[in-house]
């Protein structure tokens, strides 16, 4: 009767086992990072409205300006007001205007009402009221 000899199979070398473990670890790290940054990378930034200063133009009855939004959420202008005394009782009115996310410049018109006379060359300063943040101030010379 013949006795079977032990198998001649050998295990993989420790170097090869280490390389395989490192490869599996790297693949898992990339998969987890893709998942985590995929979730957190898509968070919305609030509306960040600003007036394009070179776009402010005023006449004796209106001021027109472009408002841009650098955020990923839409913003709005809900009103306007005078920033300083103009020498006469001045009231500013702005229609509610939506400013879409990523807008390079949405036109906003402010109507000026005054109990006195607003003359050409006079400096007008006022502000736009944001729906979700601080006022946006502007200054222009009446054309």
C-alpha atoms as a PDB file:
ATOM      1  CA  UNK A   1       0.000   0.000   0.000  1.00  0.00           C
ATOM      2  CA  UNK A   2       1.256   3.369  -0.924  1.00  0.00           C
ATOM      3  CA  UNK A   3       1.049   6.363   1.455  1.00  0.00           C
ATOM      4  CA  UNK A   4       0.078   9.597  -0.251  1.00  0.00           C
ATOM      5  CA  UNK A   5       2.718  12.273  -0.025  1.00  0.00           C
ATOM      6  CA  UNK A   6       1.855  15.744   1.201  1.00  0.00           C
ATOM      7  CA  UNK A   7       0.862  18.233  -1.492  1.00  0.00           C
ATOM      8  CA  UNK A   8       3.647  20.205  -3.133  1.00  0.00           C
ATOM      9  CA  UNK A   9       1.502  23.385  -3.194  1.00  0.00           C
ATOM     10  CA  UNK A  10       2.965  26.410  -1.520  1.00  0.00           C
ATOM     11  CA  UNK A  11       1.409  29.659  -0.279  1.00  0.00           C
ATOM     12  CA  UNK A  12       2.017  32.964  -2.059  1.00  0.00           C
ATOM     13  CA  UNK A  13       5.077  34.899  -1.029  1.00  0.00           C
ATOM     14  CA  UNK A  14       4.751  37.552   1.705  1.00  0.00           C
ATOM     15  CA  UNK A  15       5.797  40.269  -0.777  1.00  0.00           C
ATOM     16  CA  UNK A  16       3.010  39.362  -3.200  1.00  0.00           C
ATOM     17  CA  UNK A  17       0.492  39.211  -0.343  1.00  0.00           C
ATOM     18  CA  UNK A  18       1.543  42.719   0.784  1.00  0.00           C
ATOM     19  CA  UNK A  19       1.159  44.120  -2.752  1.00  0.00           C
ATOM     20  CA  UNK A  20      -2.327  42.601  -3.058  1.00  0.00           C
ATOM     21  CA  UNK A  21      -3.409  44.032   0.332  1.00  0.00           C
ATOM     22  CA  UNK A  22      -2.129  47.511  -0.574  1.00  0.00           C
ATOM     23  CA  UNK A  23      -3.991  47.388  -3.913  1.00  0.00           C
ATOM     24  CA  UNK A  24      -7.245  46.379  -2.206  1.00  0.00           C
ATOM     25  CA  UNK A  25      -6.795  49.190   0.364  1.00  0.00           C
ATOM     26  CA  UNK A  26      -6.207  51.810  -2.351  1.00  0.00           C
ATOM     27  CA  UNK A  27      -9.248  50.692  -4.348  1.00  0.00           C
ATOM     28  CA  UNK A  28     -11.426  50.857  -1.212  1.00  0.00           C
ATOM     29  CA  UNK A  29     -10.078  54.329  -0.310  1.00  0.00           C
ATOM     30  CA  UNK A  30     -10.855  55.688  -3.787  1.00  0.00           C
ATOM     31  CA  UNK A  31     -14.382  54.225  -3.676  1.00  0.00           C
ATOM     32  CA  UNK A  32     -15.063  55.728  -0.232  1.00  0.00           C
ATOM     33  CA  UNK A  33     -13.618  59.132  -1.193  1.00  0.00           C
ATOM     34  CA  UNK A  34     -15.758  59.232  -4.337  1.00  0.00           C
ATOM     35  CA  UNK A  35     -18.864  58.477  -2.292  1.00  0.00           C
ATOM     36  CA  UNK A  36     -18.103  61.007   0.475  1.00  0.00           C
ATOM     37  CA  UNK A  37     -17.057  63.897  -1.799  1.00  0.00           C
ATOM     38  CA  UNK A  38     -19.932  63.124  -4.138  1.00  0.00           C
ATOM     39  CA  UNK A  39     -22.365  63.795  -1.304  1.00  0.00           C
ATOM     40  CA  UNK A  40     -20.641  66.788   0.296  1.00  0.00           C
ATOM     41  CA  UNK A  41     -19.400  68.345  -2.931  1.00  0.00           C
ATOM     42  CA  UNK A  42     -22.950  69.082  -4.094  1.00  0.00           C
ATOM     43  CA  UNK A  43     -24.015  71.245  -1.158  1.00  0.00           C
ATOM     44  CA  UNK A  44     -25.596  74.550  -2.132  1.00  0.00           C
ATOM     45  CA  UNK A  45     -23.995  77.887  -1.394  1.00  0.00           C
ATOM     46  CA  UNK A  46     -26.340  80.725  -0.433  1.00  0.00           C
ATOM     47  CA  UNK A  47     -27.168  83.572  -2.770  1.00  0.00           C
ATOM     48  CA  UNK A  48     -24.322  86.107  -2.803  1.00  0.00           C
ATOM     49  CA  UNK A  49     -25.730  89.161  -4.525  1.00  0.00           C
ATOM     50  CA  UNK A  50     -23.655  92.136  -5.585  1.00  0.00           C
ATOM     51  CA  UNK A  51     -24.191  95.170  -7.781  1.00  0.00           C
ATOM     52  CA  UNK A  52     -22.018  95.439 -10.869  1.00  0.00           C
ATOM     53  CA  UNK A  53     -20.716  98.912  -9.996  1.00  0.00           C
ATOM     54  CA  UNK A  54     -20.017  99.971 -13.586  1.00  0.00           C
ATOM     55  CA  UNK A  55     -23.659  99.285 -14.493  1.00  0.00           C
ATOM     56  CA  UNK A  56     -25.358 101.825 -12.150  1.00  0.00           C
ATOM     57  CA  UNK A  57     -27.088 104.567 -14.128  1.00  0.00           C
ATOM     58  CA  UNK A  58     -29.532 107.136 -12.724  1.00  0.00           C
ATOM     59  CA  UNK A  59     -31.847 109.717 -14.243  1.00  0.00           C
ATOM     60  CA  UNK A  60     -34.080 112.142 -12.324  1.00  0.00           C
ATOM     61  CA  UNK A  61     -36.766 109.435 -11.991  1.00  0.00           C
ATOM     62  CA  UNK A  62     -35.063 106.006 -12.084  1.00  0.00           C
ATOM     63  CA  UNK A  63     -31.849 104.164 -11.339  1.00  0.00           C
ATOM     64  CA  UNK A  64     -31.005 101.000 -13.259  1.00  0.00           C
ATOM     65  CA  UNK A  65     -28.296  98.523 -12.308  1.00  0.00           C
ATOM     66  CA  UNK A  66     -27.224  94.937 -12.855  1.00  0.00           C
ATOM     67  CA  UNK A  67     -27.171  92.610  -9.867  1.00  0.00           C
ATOM     68  CA  UNK A  68     -25.176  89.395 -10.087  1.00  0.00           C
ATOM     69  CA  UNK A  69     -25.491  86.251  -7.990  1.00  0.00           C
ATOM     70  CA  UNK A  70     -22.358  84.219  -7.300  1.00  0.00           C
ATOM     71  CA  UNK A  71     -24.170  81.556  -5.242  1.00  0.00           C
ATOM     72  CA  UNK A  72     -25.812  78.308  -6.286  1.00  0.00           C
ATOM     73  CA  UNK A  73     -29.188  79.308  -4.839  1.00  0.00           C
ATOM     74  CA  UNK A  74     -31.438  82.005  -6.287  1.00  0.00           C
ATOM     75  CA  UNK A  75     -31.767  85.328  -4.479  1.00  0.00           C
ATOM     76  CA  UNK A  76     -34.130  88.281  -4.621  1.00  0.00           C
ATOM     77  CA  UNK A  77     -34.359  92.034  -4.283  1.00  0.00           C
ATOM     78  CA  UNK A  78     -37.373  92.980  -2.180  1.00  0.00           C
ATOM     79  CA  UNK A  79     -37.082  96.752  -1.894  1.00  0.00           C
ATOM     80  CA  UNK A  80     -34.910  99.860  -1.997  1.00  0.00           C
ATOM     81  CA  UNK A  81     -34.229 102.976   0.007  1.00  0.00           C
ATOM     82  CA  UNK A  82     -32.114 106.124   0.087  1.00  0.00           C
ATOM     83  CA  UNK A  83     -28.735 105.663   1.791  1.00  0.00           C
ATOM     84  CA  UNK A  84     -28.320 109.311   2.764  1.00  0.00           C
ATOM     85  CA  UNK A  85     -30.295 112.539   2.757  1.00  0.00           C
ATOM     86  CA  UNK A  86     -30.480 113.903  -0.783  1.00  0.00           C
ATOM     87  CA  UNK A  87     -31.397 117.493   0.076  1.00  0.00           C
ATOM     88  CA  UNK A  88     -35.050 116.692  -0.521  1.00  0.00           C
ATOM     89  CA  UNK A  89     -37.304 113.937   0.771  1.00  0.00           C
ATOM     90  CA  UNK A  90     -36.430 111.069  -1.569  1.00  0.00           C
ATOM     91  CA  UNK A  91     -38.114 107.685  -1.709  1.00  0.00           C
ATOM     92  CA  UNK A  92     -36.788 104.712  -3.658  1.00  0.00           C
ATOM     93  CA  UNK A  93     -39.000 101.854  -4.775  1.00  0.00           C
ATOM     94  CA  UNK A  94     -37.839  98.601  -6.378  1.00  0.00           C
ATOM     95  CA  UNK A  95     -40.108  95.923  -7.714  1.00  0.00           C
ATOM     96  CA  UNK A  96     -39.430  92.482  -6.241  1.00  0.00           C
ATOM     97  CA  UNK A  97     -36.917  90.908  -8.599  1.00  0.00           C
ATOM     98  CA  UNK A  98     -35.600  87.342  -8.676  1.00  0.00           C
ATOM     99  CA  UNK A  99     -31.873  86.934  -9.246  1.00  0.00           C
ATOM    100  CA  UNK A 100     -31.170  83.409 -10.531  1.00  0.00           C
ATOM    101  CA  UNK A 101     -28.227  81.378  -9.238  1.00  0.00           C
ATOM    102  CA  UNK A 102     -25.007  82.045 -11.106  1.00  0.00           C
ATOM    103  CA  UNK A 103     -26.461  85.168 -12.753  1.00  0.00           C
ATOM    104  CA  UNK A 104     -23.817  87.404 -14.325  1.00  0.00           C
ATOM    105  CA  UNK A 105     -26.167  90.399 -14.184  1.00  0.00           C
ATOM    106  CA  UNK A 106     -29.939  90.746 -13.831  1.00  0.00           C
ATOM    107  CA  UNK A 107     -31.328  94.221 -14.456  1.00  0.00           C
ATOM    108  CA  UNK A 108     -33.017  95.906 -11.486  1.00  0.00           C
ATOM    109  CA  UNK A 109     -34.845  99.233 -11.865  1.00  0.00           C
ATOM    110  CA  UNK A 110     -35.380 101.533  -8.889  1.00  0.00           C
ATOM    111  CA  UNK A 111     -37.997 104.276  -9.137  1.00  0.00           C
ATOM    112  CA  UNK A 112     -37.116 107.591  -7.468  1.00  0.00           C
ATOM    113  CA  UNK A 113     -39.810 109.778  -5.972  1.00  0.00           C
ATOM    114  CA  UNK A 114     -38.907 113.145  -4.483  1.00  0.00           C
ATOM    115  CA  UNK A 115     -40.716 116.029  -2.840  1.00  0.00           C
ATOM    116  CA  UNK A 116     -37.996 118.321  -4.175  1.00  0.00           C
ATOM    117  CA  UNK A 117     -36.085 118.593  -7.392  1.00  0.00           C
ATOM    118  CA  UNK A 118     -33.452 116.090  -8.386  1.00  0.00           C
ATOM    119  CA  UNK A 119     -31.114 117.776 -10.825  1.00  0.00           C
ATOM    120  CA  UNK A 120     -28.612 116.543 -13.372  1.00  0.00           C
ATOM    121  CA  UNK A 121     -25.144 116.063 -11.871  1.00  0.00           C
ATOM    122  CA  UNK A 122     -26.518 115.405  -8.385  1.00  0.00           C
ATOM    123  CA  UNK A 123     -25.153 112.323  -6.611  1.00  0.00           C
ATOM    124  CA  UNK A 124     -27.755 109.743  -5.652  1.00  0.00           C
ATOM    125  CA  UNK A 125     -26.993 107.004  -3.162  1.00  0.00           C
ATOM    126  CA  UNK A 126     -29.280 104.233  -2.052  1.00  0.00           C
ATOM    127  CA  UNK A 127     -29.556 100.575  -1.244  1.00  0.00           C
ATOM    128  CA  UNK A 128     -31.332  97.483  -2.462  1.00  0.00           C
ATOM    129  CA  UNK A 129     -32.892  95.222   0.158  1.00  0.00           C
ATOM    130  CA  UNK A 130     -32.050  91.542  -0.294  1.00  0.00           C
ATOM    131  CA  UNK A 131     -34.528  88.849   0.574  1.00  0.00           C
ATOM    132  CA  UNK A 132     -31.910  86.925   2.568  1.00  0.00           C
ATOM    133  CA  UNK A 133     -29.041  89.186   3.515  1.00  0.00           C
ATOM    134  CA  UNK A 134     -27.569  92.620   4.035  1.00  0.00           C
ATOM    135  CA  UNK A 135     -28.431  95.651   1.912  1.00  0.00           C
ATOM    136  CA  UNK A 136     -26.560  96.314  -1.335  1.00  0.00           C
ATOM    137  CA  UNK A 137     -25.443  99.969  -1.542  1.00  0.00           C
ATOM    138  CA  UNK A 138     -25.028 101.988  -4.726  1.00  0.00           C
ATOM    139  CA  UNK A 139     -24.021 105.524  -5.678  1.00  0.00           C
ATOM    140  CA  UNK A 140     -24.441 107.249  -9.042  1.00  0.00           C
ATOM    141  CA  UNK A 141     -24.483 110.691 -10.578  1.00  0.00           C
ATOM    142  CA  UNK A 142     -27.811 111.693 -12.121  1.00  0.00           C
ATOM    143  CA  UNK A 143     -27.529 111.959 -15.896  1.00  0.00           C
END
